[in-house]
Amino acid sequence: MPTKDKVTSEALRSMAVGETLTFELPNSNAINSGKAIAYRLQHSIGCKFSAVSDYANNTLKIIKKPL
């Protein structure tokens, strides 16, 4: 499973439907910001993102799903 260190719109757009990306982030604020980016972007690109936060390990797993 690919791992990235920053949630970006570009990274989320380039995901295939059904793909999962794990982001290793510096803190809980970055996790919350990453989720906000994903949820905001899903409306403009016509998909759904599912996000799983792991605050103990500072990771965010994002799955791209069809509408």
C-alpha atoms as a PDB file:
ATOM      1  CA  MET A   1       0.000   0.000   0.000  1.00  0.00           C
ATOM      2  CA  PRO A   2       1.581   3.321  -1.058  1.00  0.00           C
ATOM      3  CA  THR A   3       2.426   5.837   1.666  1.00  0.00           C
ATOM      4  CA  LYS A   4       2.671   9.605   1.310  1.00  0.00           C
ATOM      5  CA  ASP A   5       3.592  12.343   3.757  1.00  0.00           C
ATOM      6  CA  LYS A   6       1.108  15.030   2.660  1.00  0.00           C
ATOM      7  CA  VAL A   7      -2.544  14.985   1.567  1.00  0.00           C
ATOM      8  CA  THR A   8      -2.891  16.959  -1.668  1.00  0.00           C
ATOM      9  CA  SER A   9      -5.697  17.396  -4.161  1.00  0.00           C
ATOM     10  CA  GLU A  10      -3.343  16.143  -6.859  1.00  0.00           C
ATOM     11  CA  ALA A  11      -2.663  12.895  -4.981  1.00  0.00           C
ATOM     12  CA  LEU A  12      -6.381  12.316  -4.416  1.00  0.00           C
ATOM     13  CA  ARG A  13      -7.318  13.091  -8.035  1.00  0.00           C
ATOM     14  CA  SER A  14      -4.729  10.645  -9.358  1.00  0.00           C
ATOM     15  CA  MET A  15      -6.079   7.753  -7.274  1.00  0.00           C
ATOM     16  CA  ALA A  16      -7.959   5.006  -9.093  1.00  0.00           C
ATOM     17  CA  VAL A  17     -11.429   4.073  -7.857  1.00  0.00           C
ATOM     18  CA  GLY A  18     -10.963   1.367  -5.232  1.00  0.00           C
ATOM     19  CA  GLU A  19      -7.399   2.465  -4.459  1.00  0.00           C
ATOM     20  CA  THR A  20      -6.250   3.100  -0.892  1.00  0.00           C
ATOM     21  CA  LEU A  21      -3.527   5.562   0.091  1.00  0.00           C
ATOM     22  CA  THR A  22      -1.998   5.827   3.548  1.00  0.00           C
ATOM     23  CA  PHE A  23      -0.620   9.175   4.630  1.00  0.00           C
ATOM     24  CA  GLU A  24       1.950   9.431   7.442  1.00  0.00           C
ATOM     25  CA  LEU A  25       1.303  12.883   8.852  1.00  0.00           C
ATOM     26  CA  PRO A  26       3.028  14.992  11.523  1.00  0.00           C
ATOM     27  CA  ASN A  27       0.078  15.484  13.914  1.00  0.00           C
ATOM     28  CA  SER A  28      -3.669  15.349  14.491  1.00  0.00           C
ATOM     29  CA  ASN A  29      -4.222  18.756  12.878  1.00  0.00           C
ATOM     30  CA  ALA A  30      -2.715  17.432   9.645  1.00  0.00           C
ATOM     31  CA  ILE A  31      -5.026  14.387   9.841  1.00  0.00           C
ATOM     32  CA  ASN A  32      -8.093  16.606  10.241  1.00  0.00           C
ATOM     33  CA  SER A  33      -6.933  18.873   7.428  1.00  0.00           C
ATOM     34  CA  GLY A  34      -6.365  15.873   5.136  1.00  0.00           C
ATOM     35  CA  LYS A  35      -9.879  14.589   5.764  1.00  0.00           C
ATOM     36  CA  ALA A  36     -11.317  18.029   5.021  1.00  0.00           C
ATOM     37  CA  ILE A  37      -9.426  18.172   1.713  1.00  0.00           C
ATOM     38  CA  ALA A  38     -10.738  14.737   0.706  1.00  0.00           C
ATOM     39  CA  TYR A  39     -14.341  15.426   1.668  1.00  0.00           C
ATOM     40  CA  ARG A  40     -14.336  18.819  -0.055  1.00  0.00           C
ATOM     41  CA  LEU A  41     -12.737  17.436  -3.235  1.00  0.00           C
ATOM     42  CA  GLN A  42     -15.133  14.513  -3.657  1.00  0.00           C
ATOM     43  CA  HIS A  43     -17.926  16.835  -4.745  1.00  0.00           C
ATOM     44  CA  SER A  44     -15.900  18.371  -7.556  1.00  0.00           C
ATOM     45  CA  ILE A  45     -14.463  15.117  -8.977  1.00  0.00           C
ATOM     46  CA  GLY A  46     -17.583  12.956  -8.608  1.00  0.00           C
ATOM     47  CA  CYS A  47     -16.489  10.225  -6.218  1.00  0.00           C
ATOM     48  CA  LYS A  48     -16.618   9.383  -2.520  1.00  0.00           C
ATOM     49  CA  PHE A  49     -13.638   9.213  -0.201  1.00  0.00           C
ATOM     50  CA  SER A  50     -13.654   7.124   2.929  1.00  0.00           C
ATOM     51  CA  ALA A  51     -11.149   8.144   5.598  1.00  0.00           C
ATOM     52  CA  VAL A  52      -9.792   6.207   8.577  1.00  0.00           C
ATOM     53  CA  SER A  53      -7.832   8.212  11.136  1.00  0.00           C
ATOM     54  CA  ASP A  54      -5.209   6.679  13.413  1.00  0.00           C
ATOM     55  CA  TYR A  55      -4.277   9.427  15.837  1.00  0.00           C
ATOM     56  CA  ALA A  56      -1.971   7.163  17.879  1.00  0.00           C
ATOM     57  CA  ASN A  57       0.276   6.590  14.842  1.00  0.00           C
ATOM     58  CA  ASN A  58      -0.482   9.883  13.013  1.00  0.00           C
ATOM     59  CA  THR A  59      -1.727   8.131   9.892  1.00  0.00           C
ATOM     60  CA  LEU A  60      -4.710   8.723   7.653  1.00  0.00           C
ATOM     61  CA  LYS A  61      -5.963   6.039   5.269  1.00  0.00           C
ATOM     62  CA  ILE A  62      -8.080   7.305   2.358  1.00  0.00           C
ATOM     63  CA  ILE A  63     -10.061   5.022   0.039  1.00  0.00           C
ATOM     64  CA  LYS A  64     -11.533   6.308  -3.234  1.00  0.00           C
ATOM     65  CA  LYS A  65     -14.995   4.888  -3.961  1.00  0.00           C
ATOM     66  CA  PRO A  66     -17.499   5.333  -6.780  1.00  0.00           C
ATOM     67  CA  LEU A  67     -20.644   7.384  -6.154  1.00  0.00           C
END
